[in-house]
């Protein structure tokens, strides 16, 4: 498998994970952290850090919006228990 195809598959896998988490808003970040050792906030931080490695500045709120599909404050108000 060439590197471009590998990266396309990895990208699609991440987008699928984000979509899955979006469909499972009932699963709280603390539950993810306790069971898997990471949560949506971890994903958003990793997203920001990887962008920075490429010289792209992304704010924490923008990274969280990408992962949560909405501003983090809105998600917390609607779904955080």
C-alpha atoms as a PDB file:
ATOM      1  CA  UNK A   1       0.000   0.000   0.000  1.00  0.00           C
ATOM      2  CA  UNK A   2       1.438   3.368  -0.921  1.00  0.00           C
ATOM      3  CA  UNK A   3       1.703   6.191   1.628  1.00  0.00           C
ATOM      4  CA  UNK A   4      -1.053   8.344   0.069  1.00  0.00           C
ATOM      5  CA  UNK A   5      -3.568   5.496   0.136  1.00  0.00           C
ATOM      6  CA  UNK A   6      -2.592   4.681   3.721  1.00  0.00           C
ATOM      7  CA  UNK A   7      -3.191   8.308   4.754  1.00  0.00           C
ATOM      8  CA  UNK A   8      -6.559   8.381   2.932  1.00  0.00           C
ATOM      9  CA  UNK A   9      -7.660   5.260   4.797  1.00  0.00           C
ATOM     10  CA  UNK A  10      -6.467   6.661   8.121  1.00  0.00           C
ATOM     11  CA  UNK A  11      -8.282   9.926   7.456  1.00  0.00           C
ATOM     12  CA  UNK A  12     -11.499   8.121   6.561  1.00  0.00           C
ATOM     13  CA  UNK A  13     -11.151   5.997   9.701  1.00  0.00           C
ATOM     14  CA  UNK A  14     -10.820   9.094  11.889  1.00  0.00           C
ATOM     15  CA  UNK A  15     -13.849  10.691  10.235  1.00  0.00           C
ATOM     16  CA  UNK A  16     -15.791   7.478  10.847  1.00  0.00           C
ATOM     17  CA  UNK A  17     -14.785   7.518  14.530  1.00  0.00           C
ATOM     18  CA  UNK A  18     -15.866  11.161  14.814  1.00  0.00           C
ATOM     19  CA  UNK A  19     -19.188  10.309  13.151  1.00  0.00           C
ATOM     20  CA  UNK A  20     -19.687   7.338  15.461  1.00  0.00           C
ATOM     21  CA  UNK A  21     -19.053   9.479  18.540  1.00  0.00           C
ATOM     22  CA  UNK A  22     -21.454  12.089  17.150  1.00  0.00           C
ATOM     23  CA  UNK A  23     -24.149   9.418  16.925  1.00  0.00           C
ATOM     24  CA  UNK A  24     -23.405   8.326  20.505  1.00  0.00           C
ATOM     25  CA  UNK A  25     -23.825  11.575  22.395  1.00  0.00           C
ATOM     26  CA  UNK A  26     -25.154   9.462  25.272  1.00  0.00           C
ATOM     27  CA  UNK A  27     -21.610   8.272  25.872  1.00  0.00           C
ATOM     28  CA  UNK A  28     -19.992  10.820  28.133  1.00  0.00           C
ATOM     29  CA  UNK A  29     -16.338  11.822  27.892  1.00  0.00           C
ATOM     30  CA  UNK A  30     -15.676  10.481  31.384  1.00  0.00           C
ATOM     31  CA  UNK A  31     -17.012   7.085  30.250  1.00  0.00           C
ATOM     32  CA  UNK A  32     -14.681   7.103  27.253  1.00  0.00           C
ATOM     33  CA  UNK A  33     -11.748   8.155  29.417  1.00  0.00           C
ATOM     34  CA  UNK A  34     -12.421   5.459  32.010  1.00  0.00           C
ATOM     35  CA  UNK A  35     -12.864   2.679  29.453  1.00  0.00           C
ATOM     36  CA  UNK A  36     -10.578   3.659  26.589  1.00  0.00           C
ATOM     37  CA  UNK A  37      -8.104   6.118  28.068  1.00  0.00           C
ATOM     38  CA  UNK A  38      -9.108   8.926  25.692  1.00  0.00           C
ATOM     39  CA  UNK A  39     -12.129  11.127  25.043  1.00  0.00           C
ATOM     40  CA  UNK A  40     -13.422  13.666  22.541  1.00  0.00           C
ATOM     41  CA  UNK A  41     -11.251  16.358  24.130  1.00  0.00           C
ATOM     42  CA  UNK A  42      -8.191  14.145  23.631  1.00  0.00           C
ATOM     43  CA  UNK A  43      -9.101  13.722  19.961  1.00  0.00           C
ATOM     44  CA  UNK A  44      -9.468  17.465  19.520  1.00  0.00           C
ATOM     45  CA  UNK A  45      -6.095  18.072  21.197  1.00  0.00           C
ATOM     46  CA  UNK A  46      -4.428  15.440  18.986  1.00  0.00           C
ATOM     47  CA  UNK A  47      -6.040  17.073  15.938  1.00  0.00           C
ATOM     48  CA  UNK A  48      -4.658  20.482  16.944  1.00  0.00           C
ATOM     49  CA  UNK A  49      -1.206  19.066  17.733  1.00  0.00           C
ATOM     50  CA  UNK A  50      -0.970  17.279  14.386  1.00  0.00           C
ATOM     51  CA  UNK A  51      -2.014  20.453  12.571  1.00  0.00           C
ATOM     52  CA  UNK A  52       0.718  22.358  14.437  1.00  0.00           C
ATOM     53  CA  UNK A  53       3.286  19.811  13.251  1.00  0.00           C
ATOM     54  CA  UNK A  54       2.291  20.830   9.715  1.00  0.00           C
ATOM     55  CA  UNK A  55       2.639  24.528  10.572  1.00  0.00           C
ATOM     56  CA  UNK A  56      -1.114  25.087  10.769  1.00  0.00           C
ATOM     57  CA  UNK A  57      -2.473  27.040  13.735  1.00  0.00           C
ATOM     58  CA  UNK A  58      -5.807  25.740  15.008  1.00  0.00           C
ATOM     59  CA  UNK A  59      -7.295  27.045  18.229  1.00  0.00           C
ATOM     60  CA  UNK A  60      -8.598  24.650  20.858  1.00  0.00           C
ATOM     61  CA  UNK A  61     -12.185  25.847  20.269  1.00  0.00           C
ATOM     62  CA  UNK A  62     -11.843  25.245  16.504  1.00  0.00           C
ATOM     63  CA  UNK A  63     -10.342  21.785  17.037  1.00  0.00           C
ATOM     64  CA  UNK A  64     -13.137  20.882  19.451  1.00  0.00           C
ATOM     65  CA  UNK A  65     -15.743  22.160  16.992  1.00  0.00           C
ATOM     66  CA  UNK A  66     -14.325  19.783  14.388  1.00  0.00           C
ATOM     67  CA  UNK A  67     -14.548  16.804  16.745  1.00  0.00           C
ATOM     68  CA  UNK A  68     -17.857  17.695  18.446  1.00  0.00           C
ATOM     69  CA  UNK A  69     -19.576  18.973  15.289  1.00  0.00           C
ATOM     70  CA  UNK A  70     -20.582  22.157  17.112  1.00  0.00           C
ATOM     71  CA  UNK A  71     -19.052  24.590  19.586  1.00  0.00           C
ATOM     72  CA  UNK A  72     -17.957  22.746  22.707  1.00  0.00           C
ATOM     73  CA  UNK A  73     -20.043  24.994  24.968  1.00  0.00           C
ATOM     74  CA  UNK A  74     -23.155  24.088  22.970  1.00  0.00           C
ATOM     75  CA  UNK A  75     -22.373  20.367  23.142  1.00  0.00           C
ATOM     76  CA  UNK A  76     -21.816  20.558  26.914  1.00  0.00           C
ATOM     77  CA  UNK A  77     -25.122  22.373  27.394  1.00  0.00           C
ATOM     78  CA  UNK A  78     -27.080  19.884  25.274  1.00  0.00           C
ATOM     79  CA  UNK A  79     -25.416  16.551  26.076  1.00  0.00           C
ATOM     80  CA  UNK A  80     -23.110  16.619  29.078  1.00  0.00           C
ATOM     81  CA  UNK A  81     -24.658  15.037  32.146  1.00  0.00           C
END
